Protein backbone atom coordinates (compact mmCIF):
# COMPACT_ATOMS: atom_id res chain seq x y z
CA UNK A 1 26.46 179.94 2.00
CA UNK A 2 29.06 180.40 4.93
CA UNK A 3 29.45 177.36 7.57
CA UNK A 4 29.14 177.57 10.72
CA UNK A 5 32.51 177.42 12.49
CA UNK A 6 30.65 176.31 15.80
CA UNK A 7 32.06 173.82 18.46
CA UNK A 8 29.47 170.59 17.54
CA UNK A 9 28.29 168.61 20.00
CA UNK A 10 30.11 165.42 18.67
CA UNK A 11 33.06 167.18 18.63
CA UNK A 12 32.34 168.07 22.37
CA UNK A 13 31.09 164.54 23.68
CA UNK A 14 34.73 163.02 23.31
CA UNK A 15 36.01 166.09 25.68
CA UNK A 16 33.80 165.95 28.35
CA UNK A 17 34.20 162.27 28.61
CA UNK A 18 38.05 162.63 28.70
CA UNK A 19 37.85 165.70 31.52
CA UNK A 20 35.42 163.39 33.37
CA UNK A 21 37.90 160.05 33.50
CA UNK A 22 40.66 163.07 34.36
CA UNK A 23 38.30 164.24 37.63
CA UNK A 24 37.63 161.21 38.03
CA UNK A 25 40.83 159.73 38.96
CA UNK A 26 42.90 162.43 40.16
CA UNK A 27 39.91 162.66 43.12
CA UNK A 28 41.16 160.85 45.56
CA UNK A 29 38.37 160.99 48.14
CA UNK A 30 36.12 159.91 45.67
CA UNK A 31 36.64 155.91 47.03
CA UNK A 32 37.16 157.27 50.91
CA UNK A 33 33.59 159.45 50.74
CA UNK A 34 31.79 155.23 49.19
CA UNK A 35 33.74 153.49 51.78
CA UNK A 36 32.52 156.05 54.49
CA UNK A 37 28.20 155.39 53.21
CA UNK A 38 29.16 152.09 53.43
CA UNK A 39 30.50 151.54 56.87
CA UNK A 40 27.72 153.89 57.58
CA UNK A 41 25.11 151.63 56.03
CA UNK A 42 26.40 148.57 57.70
CA UNK A 43 26.24 150.11 61.43
CA UNK A 44 22.46 151.32 60.68
CA UNK A 45 21.88 148.10 59.87
CA UNK A 46 23.96 146.32 62.72
CA UNK A 47 21.77 148.51 64.71
CA UNK A 48 18.57 147.88 63.70
CA UNK A 49 18.89 144.32 63.93
CA UNK A 50 20.16 144.55 67.63
CA UNK A 51 17.09 146.81 68.51
CA UNK A 52 14.55 145.44 67.26
CA UNK A 53 15.70 141.14 67.30
CA UNK A 54 13.49 139.06 69.47
CA UNK A 55 14.40 139.30 73.27
CA UNK A 56 12.89 137.47 76.15
CA UNK A 57 10.31 138.50 78.36
CA UNK A 58 9.79 136.66 81.40
CA UNK A 59 6.05 137.40 82.69
CA UNK A 60 5.25 136.57 86.18
CA UNK A 61 1.00 136.78 85.07
CA UNK A 62 1.11 134.22 82.99
CA UNK A 63 3.31 131.45 84.86
CA UNK A 64 6.12 129.23 84.08
CA UNK A 65 4.13 127.29 81.21
CA UNK A 66 3.89 130.54 78.88
CA UNK A 67 7.52 131.72 76.52
CA UNK A 68 7.00 135.34 75.64
CA UNK A 69 9.08 137.08 73.79
CA UNK A 70 9.70 141.15 72.23
CA UNK A 71 10.32 142.26 68.89
CA UNK A 72 10.29 146.52 68.46
CA UNK A 73 6.88 147.01 69.89
CA UNK A 74 5.52 143.97 69.42
CA UNK A 75 5.12 141.05 72.31
CA UNK A 76 4.00 137.67 71.40
CA UNK A 77 3.83 134.99 74.15
CA UNK A 78 3.36 131.22 73.70
CA UNK A 79 2.59 128.20 75.41
CA UNK A 80 5.63 125.83 76.14
CA UNK A 81 4.43 121.90 75.24
């Protein structure tokens, strides 16, 4: 009977892993891309907090005994005690 002289999966896996390690170590844009994504995520979070954070709102209709604040689309008022 003739034996199969083809490449076996066990022989191919180490080659593929070594090739991936070489590509990863020679890719200069990999860490730069990761850094750019991280900076964008942090900037987006800061912008989201700045836009949706509570802000003092004056309400002349309620008078000086009330304090109102607005966060995103919700305005809440509470009496000062």
